[in-house]
Amino acid sequence: MKYKTAEIKMLLVRETENTIGAVDRPERIVRYWNEVIAGSSWYTPDKEQVVVVALDTKFNPIGFNLVSMGTVNETMCHPRDVFRPAIHMNATSVVLIHNHPSGDPAPSAADFRLTRAIKEAGELLRVNLTDHIVVGNGSLYYSFRESGIV
């Protein structure tokens, strides 16, 4: 009996220089979002987008991946989609970031559910969720870590 298999290949799309350093605090994570992620060609501020940032042991970004792009007020995200690129990049931890096109960073009930699911999956995989940040307008943000949830 024949089985089909697939070869997996990592492709580097674009290298960016890390001028921010470790993204170990919410302010630095938001700065990374504003300077690196929001500057990407695919970024669309009027749609909710979920991005995972893979980190090394010193909280330096290894890379990031667009996990989901949704509509003006919602998007879907699953733990496997968050951790697949993190595992490929040999991350020891991750930061989950998404925007609220309304400009209000207040998390929804779905954001709380997602955070719990990602945190639990990360504990099983031993790839810690460092923080989940909801970005609003400018420097407005909500940090699940600062709120004691992560």
Foldseek 3Di string as FASTA:
>chain_A
DDDDDDDDDDDDDDDDDDPLFAPLDPQSVVVCCVPPVCPDPPDDLQWKWKKKFFAAPRRDTLGMDTQWTGHNADTDGALCSRCVVNVVSVGQEMEMEIERSVLDQDDDPVNLVVVVRNQVVCVVVNHHHSWYWYGGPDSDIDICVVVVND
